[in-house]
Amino acid sequence: MYIWQALKWKMEGKAEKFWIWLSWKMPRKLAYWCAIRVGAHATTGKYGDTVVPGLSMMDMFKRWEGE
């Protein structure tokens, strides 16, 4: 069981490195609009009463993930 867990952690680390690499290669305009999309999701629908300047980035990410 330990070997499978170690392999899983190693693969997750590689996946994270890939996503970090990809995010740095994205055009700035695309990254900008992705941020706008996350912000819009975090302040509409069931979160519609949220005051935007009071919302932290971590709260936006949690709402995007569905927590």
PDB file of N, CA and C in Angstrom:
ATOM      1  N   MET A   1       0.827  -1.189   0.000  1.00  0.00           N
ATOM      2  CA  MET A   1       0.000   0.000   0.000  1.00  0.00           C
ATOM      3  C   MET A   1       0.869   1.249   0.000  1.00  0.00           C
ATOM      4  N   TYR A   2       1.970   1.228   0.686  1.00  0.00           N
ATOM      5  CA  TYR A   2       2.849   2.383   0.749  1.00  0.00           C
ATOM      6  C   TYR A   2       3.397   2.736  -0.632  1.00  0.00           C
ATOM      7  N   ILE A   3       3.732   1.721  -1.425  1.00  0.00           N
ATOM      8  CA  ILE A   3       4.291   1.964  -2.762  1.00  0.00           C
ATOM      9  C   ILE A   3       3.269   2.671  -3.643  1.00  0.00           C
ATOM     10  N   TRP A   4       2.004   2.239  -3.595  1.00  0.00           N
ATOM     11  CA  TRP A   4       0.972   2.879  -4.410  1.00  0.00           C
ATOM     12  C   TRP A   4       0.748   4.316  -3.982  1.00  0.00           C
ATOM     13  N   GLN A   5       0.795   4.546  -2.677  1.00  0.00           N
ATOM     14  CA  GLN A   5       0.616   5.917  -2.184  1.00  0.00           C
ATOM     15  C   GLN A   5       1.778   6.800  -2.640  1.00  0.00           C
ATOM     16  N   ALA A   6       2.988   6.277  -2.584  1.00  0.00           N
ATOM     17  CA  ALA A   6       4.156   7.039  -3.022  1.00  0.00           C
ATOM     18  C   ALA A   6       4.077   7.335  -4.519  1.00  0.00           C
ATOM     19  N   LEU A   7       3.650   6.359  -5.319  1.00  0.00           N
ATOM     20  CA  LEU A   7       3.495   6.583  -6.755  1.00  0.00           C
ATOM     21  C   LEU A   7       2.413   7.624  -7.036  1.00  0.00           C
ATOM     22  N   LYS A   8       1.336   7.556  -6.287  1.00  0.00           N
ATOM     23  CA  LYS A   8       0.256   8.531  -6.466  1.00  0.00           C
ATOM     24  C   LYS A   8       0.761   9.941  -6.184  1.00  0.00           C
ATOM     25  N   TRP A   9       1.495  10.127  -5.087  1.00  0.00           N
ATOM     26  CA  TRP A   9       2.026  11.450  -4.741  1.00  0.00           C
ATOM     27  C   TRP A   9       2.989  11.943  -5.811  1.00  0.00           C
ATOM     28  N   LYS A  10       3.799  11.035  -6.335  1.00  0.00           N
ATOM     29  CA  LYS A  10       4.761  11.423  -7.362  1.00  0.00           C
ATOM     30  C   LYS A  10       4.031  11.870  -8.631  1.00  0.00           C
ATOM     31  N   MET A  11       3.000  11.137  -9.039  1.00  0.00           N
ATOM     32  CA  MET A  11       2.247  11.505 -10.233  1.00  0.00           C
ATOM     33  C   MET A  11       1.475  12.806 -10.023  1.00  0.00           C
ATOM     34  N   GLU A  12       0.933  13.010  -8.825  1.00  0.00           N
ATOM     35  CA  GLU A  12       0.224  14.257  -8.547  1.00  0.00           C
ATOM     36  C   GLU A  12       1.180  15.436  -8.625  1.00  0.00           C
ATOM     37  N   GLY A  13       2.391  15.254  -8.159  1.00  0.00           N
ATOM     38  CA  GLY A  13       3.395  16.309  -8.239  1.00  0.00           C
ATOM     39  C   GLY A  13       3.721  16.653  -9.679  1.00  0.00           C
ATOM     40  N   LYS A  14       3.813  15.643 -10.531  1.00  0.00           N
ATOM     41  CA  LYS A  14       4.093  15.884 -11.945  1.00  0.00           C
ATOM     42  C   LYS A  14       2.922  16.596 -12.611  1.00  0.00           C
ATOM     43  N   ALA A  15       1.714  16.212 -12.249  1.00  0.00           N
ATOM     44  CA  ALA A  15       0.539  16.863 -12.816  1.00  0.00           C
ATOM     45  C   ALA A  15       0.509  18.333 -12.402  1.00  0.00           C
ATOM     46  N   GLU A  16       0.814  18.601 -11.150  1.00  0.00           N
ATOM     47  CA  GLU A  16       0.819  19.988 -10.681  1.00  0.00           C
ATOM     48  C   GLU A  16       1.887  20.800 -11.409  1.00  0.00           C
ATOM     49  N   LYS A  17       3.055  20.214 -11.609  1.00  0.00           N
ATOM     50  CA  LYS A  17       4.118  20.914 -12.344  1.00  0.00           C
ATOM     51  C   LYS A  17       3.679  21.216 -13.776  1.00  0.00           C
ATOM     52  N   PHE A  18       2.955  20.270 -14.385  1.00  0.00           N
ATOM     53  CA  PHE A  18       2.458  20.500 -15.739  1.00  0.00           C
ATOM     54  C   PHE A  18       1.501  21.683 -15.767  1.00  0.00           C
ATOM     55  N   TRP A  19       0.550  21.746 -14.822  1.00  0.00           N
ATOM     56  CA  TRP A  19      -0.424  22.833 -14.813  1.00  0.00           C
ATOM     57  C   TRP A  19       0.249  24.178 -14.530  1.00  0.00           C
ATOM     58  N   ILE A  20       1.256  24.174 -13.671  1.00  0.00           N
ATOM     59  CA  ILE A  20       1.998  25.412 -13.416  1.00  0.00           C
ATOM     60  C   ILE A  20       2.716  25.853 -14.680  1.00  0.00           C
ATOM     61  N   TRP A  21       3.365  24.916 -15.363  1.00  0.00           N
ATOM     62  CA  TRP A  21       4.067  25.236 -16.614  1.00  0.00           C
ATOM     63  C   TRP A  21       3.086  25.792 -17.636  1.00  0.00           C
ATOM     64  N   LEU A  22       1.940  25.137 -17.784  1.00  0.00           N
ATOM     65  CA  LEU A  22       0.943  25.574 -18.754  1.00  0.00           C
ATOM     66  C   LEU A  22       0.412  26.967 -18.428  1.00  0.00           C
ATOM     67  N   SER A  23       0.185  27.235 -17.154  1.00  0.00           N
ATOM     68  CA  SER A  23      -0.348  28.547 -16.778  1.00  0.00           C
ATOM     69  C   SER A  23       0.628  29.664 -17.116  1.00  0.00           C
ATOM     70  N   TRP A  24       1.929  29.405 -17.039  1.00  0.00           N
ATOM     71  CA  TRP A  24       2.917  30.431 -17.401  1.00  0.00           C
ATOM     72  C   TRP A  24       3.038  30.591 -18.909  1.00  0.00           C
ATOM     73  N   LYS A  25       2.639  29.595 -19.676  1.00  0.00           N
ATOM     74  CA  LYS A  25       2.703  29.671 -21.137  1.00  0.00           C
ATOM     75  C   LYS A  25       1.448  30.281 -21.750  1.00  0.00           C
ATOM     76  N   MET A  26       0.381  30.422 -20.953  1.00  0.00           N
ATOM     77  CA  MET A  26      -0.868  30.978 -21.462  1.00  0.00           C
ATOM     78  C   MET A  26      -0.692  32.437 -21.865  1.00  0.00           C
ATOM     79  N   PRO A  27      -1.362  32.844 -22.921  1.00  0.00           N
ATOM     80  CA  PRO A  27      -1.356  34.269 -23.256  1.00  0.00           C
ATOM     81  C   PRO A  27      -1.981  35.080 -22.114  1.00  0.00           C
ATOM     82  N   ARG A  28      -1.472  36.276 -21.886  1.00  0.00           N
ATOM     83  CA  ARG A  28      -1.956  37.105 -20.787  1.00  0.00           C
ATOM     84  C   ARG A  28      -3.448  37.399 -20.895  1.00  0.00           C
ATOM     85  N   LYS A  29      -3.934  37.637 -22.096  1.00  0.00           N
ATOM     86  CA  LYS A  29      -5.364  37.941 -22.263  1.00  0.00           C
ATOM     87  C   LYS A  29      -6.228  36.762 -21.827  1.00  0.00           C
ATOM     88  N   LEU A  30      -5.790  35.549 -22.152  1.00  0.00           N
ATOM     89  CA  LEU A  30      -6.544  34.368 -21.745  1.00  0.00           C
ATOM     90  C   LEU A  30      -6.546  34.231 -20.227  1.00  0.00           C
ATOM     91  N   ALA A  31      -5.405  34.418 -19.602  1.00  0.00           N
ATOM     92  CA  ALA A  31      -5.325  34.348 -18.139  1.00  0.00           C
ATOM     93  C   ALA A  31      -6.217  35.412 -17.496  1.00  0.00           C
ATOM     94  N   TYR A  32      -6.232  36.599 -18.090  1.00  0.00           N
ATOM     95  CA  TYR A  32      -7.071  37.692 -17.586  1.00  0.00           C
ATOM     96  C   TYR A  32      -8.542  37.297 -17.622  1.00  0.00           C
ATOM     97  N   TRP A  33      -8.997  36.768 -18.755  1.00  0.00           N
ATOM     98  CA  TRP A  33     -10.400  36.398 -18.877  1.00  0.00           C
ATOM     99  C   TRP A  33     -10.764  35.186 -18.031  1.00  0.00           C
ATOM    100  N   CYS A  34      -9.812  34.308 -17.780  1.00  0.00           N
ATOM    101  CA  CYS A  34     -10.063  33.198 -16.853  1.00  0.00           C
ATOM    102  C   CYS A  34     -10.283  33.730 -15.439  1.00  0.00           C
ATOM    103  N   ALA A  35      -9.495  34.720 -15.046  1.00  0.00           N
ATOM    104  CA  ALA A  35      -9.665  35.331 -13.725  1.00  0.00           C
ATOM    105  C   ALA A  35     -11.018  36.035 -13.630  1.00  0.00           C
ATOM    106  N   ILE A  36     -11.414  36.712 -14.700  1.00  0.00           N
ATOM    107  CA  ILE A  36     -12.726  37.370 -14.718  1.00  0.00           C
ATOM    108  C   ILE A  36     -13.828  36.328 -14.554  1.00  0.00           C
ATOM    109  N   ARG A  37     -13.692  35.197 -15.210  1.00  0.00           N
ATOM    110  CA  ARG A  37     -14.700  34.133 -15.145  1.00  0.00           C
ATOM    111  C   ARG A  37     -14.833  33.583 -13.726  1.00  0.00           C
ATOM    112  N   VAL A  38     -13.700  33.367 -13.063  1.00  0.00           N
ATOM    113  CA  VAL A  38     -13.745  32.866 -11.683  1.00  0.00           C
ATOM    114  C   VAL A  38     -14.381  33.906 -10.768  1.00  0.00           C
ATOM    115  N   GLY A  39     -13.999  35.160 -10.949  1.00  0.00           N
ATOM    116  CA  GLY A  39     -14.585  36.230 -10.138  1.00  0.00           C
ATOM    117  C   GLY A  39     -16.078  36.365 -10.345  1.00  0.00           C
ATOM    118  N   ALA A  40     -16.529  36.238 -11.586  1.00  0.00           N
ATOM    119  CA  ALA A  40     -17.962  36.325 -11.875  1.00  0.00           C
ATOM    120  C   ALA A  40     -18.712  35.170 -11.231  1.00  0.00           C
ATOM    121  N   HIS A  41     -18.138  33.980 -11.292  1.00  0.00           N
ATOM    122  CA  HIS A  41     -18.781  32.816 -10.671  1.00  0.00           C
ATOM    123  C   HIS A  41     -18.895  33.004  -9.157  1.00  0.00           C
ATOM    124  N   ALA A  42     -17.877  33.600  -8.560  1.00  0.00           N
ATOM    125  CA  ALA A  42     -17.835  33.747  -7.104  1.00  0.00           C
ATOM    126  C   ALA A  42     -18.759  34.839  -6.589  1.00  0.00           C
ATOM    127  N   THR A  43     -19.345  35.634  -7.480  1.00  0.00           N
ATOM    128  CA  THR A  43     -20.196  36.741  -7.023  1.00  0.00           C
ATOM    129  C   THR A  43     -21.585  36.731  -7.658  1.00  0.00           C
ATOM    130  N   THR A  44     -21.984  35.621  -8.275  1.00  0.00           N
ATOM    131  CA  THR A  44     -23.317  35.520  -8.859  1.00  0.00           C
ATOM    132  C   THR A  44     -24.029  34.284  -8.335  1.00  0.00           C
ATOM    133  N   GLY A  45     -25.266  34.129  -8.707  1.00  0.00           N
ATOM    134  CA  GLY A  45     -26.050  32.962  -8.281  1.00  0.00           C
ATOM    135  C   GLY A  45     -26.289  32.973  -6.786  1.00  0.00           C
ATOM    136  N   LYS A  46     -25.966  31.879  -6.130  1.00  0.00           N
ATOM    137  CA  LYS A  46     -26.196  31.804  -4.689  1.00  0.00           C
ATOM    138  C   LYS A  46     -25.266  32.724  -3.904  1.00  0.00           C
ATOM    139  N   TYR A  47     -24.211  33.249  -4.563  1.00  0.00           N
ATOM    140  CA  TYR A  47     -23.296  34.196  -3.933  1.00  0.00           C
ATOM    141  C   TYR A  47     -23.579  35.629  -4.383  1.00  0.00           C
ATOM    142  N   GLY A  48     -24.761  35.894  -4.905  1.00  0.00           N
ATOM    143  CA  GLY A  48     -25.095  37.186  -5.481  1.00  0.00           C
ATOM    144  C   GLY A  48     -25.065  38.355  -4.517  1.00  0.00           C
ATOM    145  N   ASP A  49     -25.162  38.099  -3.227  1.00  0.00           N
ATOM    146  CA  ASP A  49     -25.145  39.197  -2.257  1.00  0.00           C
ATOM    147  C   ASP A  49     -23.741  39.524  -1.758  1.00  0.00           C
ATOM    148  N   THR A  50     -22.712  38.955  -2.391  1.00  0.00           N
ATOM    149  CA  THR A  50     -21.324  39.182  -1.989  1.00  0.00           C
ATOM    150  C   THR A  50     -20.853  40.562  -2.423  1.00  0.00           C
ATOM    151  N   VAL A  51     -20.203  41.255  -1.504  1.00  0.00           N
ATOM    152  CA  VAL A  51     -19.590  42.536  -1.828  1.00  0.00           C
ATOM    153  C   VAL A  51     -18.218  42.224  -2.433  1.00  0.00           C
ATOM    154  N   VAL A  52     -18.023  42.608  -3.679  1.00  0.00           N
ATOM    155  CA  VAL A  52     -16.833  42.197  -4.426  1.00  0.00           C
ATOM    156  C   VAL A  52     -15.526  42.637  -3.778  1.00  0.00           C
ATOM    157  N   PRO A  53     -15.369  43.898  -3.345  1.00  0.00           N
ATOM    158  CA  PRO A  53     -14.075  44.278  -2.752  1.00  0.00           C
ATOM    159  C   PRO A  53     -13.733  43.502  -1.476  1.00  0.00           C
ATOM    160  N   GLY A  54     -14.723  42.934  -0.828  1.00  0.00           N
ATOM    161  CA  GLY A  54     -14.474  42.181   0.398  1.00  0.00           C
ATOM    162  C   GLY A  54     -14.173  40.713   0.175  1.00  0.00           C
ATOM    163  N   LEU A  55     -14.130  40.264  -1.060  1.00  0.00           N
ATOM    164  CA  LEU A  55     -13.926  38.849  -1.375  1.00  0.00           C
ATOM    165  C   LEU A  55     -12.450  38.568  -1.646  1.00  0.00           C
ATOM    166  N   SER A  56     -11.903  37.601  -0.942  1.00  0.00           N
ATOM    167  CA  SER A  56     -10.495  37.261  -1.161  1.00  0.00           C
ATOM    168  C   SER A  56     -10.360  36.266  -2.319  1.00  0.00           C
ATOM    169  N   MET A  57      -9.167  36.183  -2.866  1.00  0.00           N
ATOM    170  CA  MET A  57      -8.934  35.234  -3.962  1.00  0.00           C
ATOM    171  C   MET A  57      -9.155  33.799  -3.509  1.00  0.00           C
ATOM    172  N   MET A  58      -8.755  33.479  -2.296  1.00  0.00           N
ATOM    173  CA  MET A  58      -8.935  32.119  -1.796  1.00  0.00           C
ATOM    174  C   MET A  58     -10.416  31.772  -1.681  1.00  0.00           C
ATOM    175  N   ASP A  59     -11.233  32.743  -1.291  1.00  0.00           N
ATOM    176  CA  ASP A  59     -12.678  32.500  -1.249  1.00  0.00           C
ATOM    177  C   ASP A  59     -13.225  32.261  -2.651  1.00  0.00           C
ATOM    178  N   MET A  60     -12.713  33.008  -3.639  1.00  0.00           N
ATOM    179  CA  MET A  60     -13.147  32.792  -5.021  1.00  0.00           C
ATOM    180  C   MET A  60     -12.807  31.381  -5.472  1.00  0.00           C
ATOM    181  N   PHE A  61     -11.599  30.926  -5.163  1.00  0.00           N
ATOM    182  CA  PHE A  61     -11.187  29.585  -5.578  1.00  0.00           C
ATOM    183  C   PHE A  61     -12.023  28.515  -4.892  1.00  0.00           C
ATOM    184  N   LYS A  62     -12.328  28.706  -3.617  1.00  0.00           N
ATOM    185  CA  LYS A  62     -13.162  27.737  -2.902  1.00  0.00           C
ATOM    186  C   LYS A  62     -14.551  27.654  -3.525  1.00  0.00           C
ATOM    187  N   ARG A  63     -15.093  28.813  -3.899  1.00  0.00           N
ATOM    188  CA  ARG A  63     -16.408  28.809  -4.532  1.00  0.00           C
ATOM    189  C   ARG A  63     -16.364  28.171  -5.914  1.00  0.00           C
ATOM    190  N   TRP A  64     -15.277  28.371  -6.636  1.00  0.00           N
ATOM    191  CA  TRP A  64     -15.120  27.765  -7.960  1.00  0.00           C
ATOM    192  C   TRP A  64     -15.084  26.246  -7.844  1.00  0.00           C
ATOM    193  N   GLU A  65     -14.380  25.745  -6.824  1.00  0.00           N
ATOM    194  CA  GLU A  65     -14.264  24.307  -6.615  1.00  0.00           C
ATOM    195  C   GLU A  65     -15.537  23.689  -6.056  1.00  0.00           C
ATOM    196  N   GLY A  66     -16.422  24.521  -5.521  1.00  0.00           N
ATOM    197  CA  GLY A  66     -17.692  24.015  -5.038  1.00  0.00           C
ATOM    198  C   GLY A  66     -17.749  23.724  -3.563  1.00  0.00           C
ATOM    199  N   GLU A  67     -16.830  24.274  -2.789  1.00  0.00           N
ATOM    200  CA  GLU A  67     -16.863  24.029  -1.343  1.00  0.00           C
ATOM    201  C   GLU A  67     -17.870  24.903  -0.664  1.00  0.00           C
TER     202      GLU A  67
END
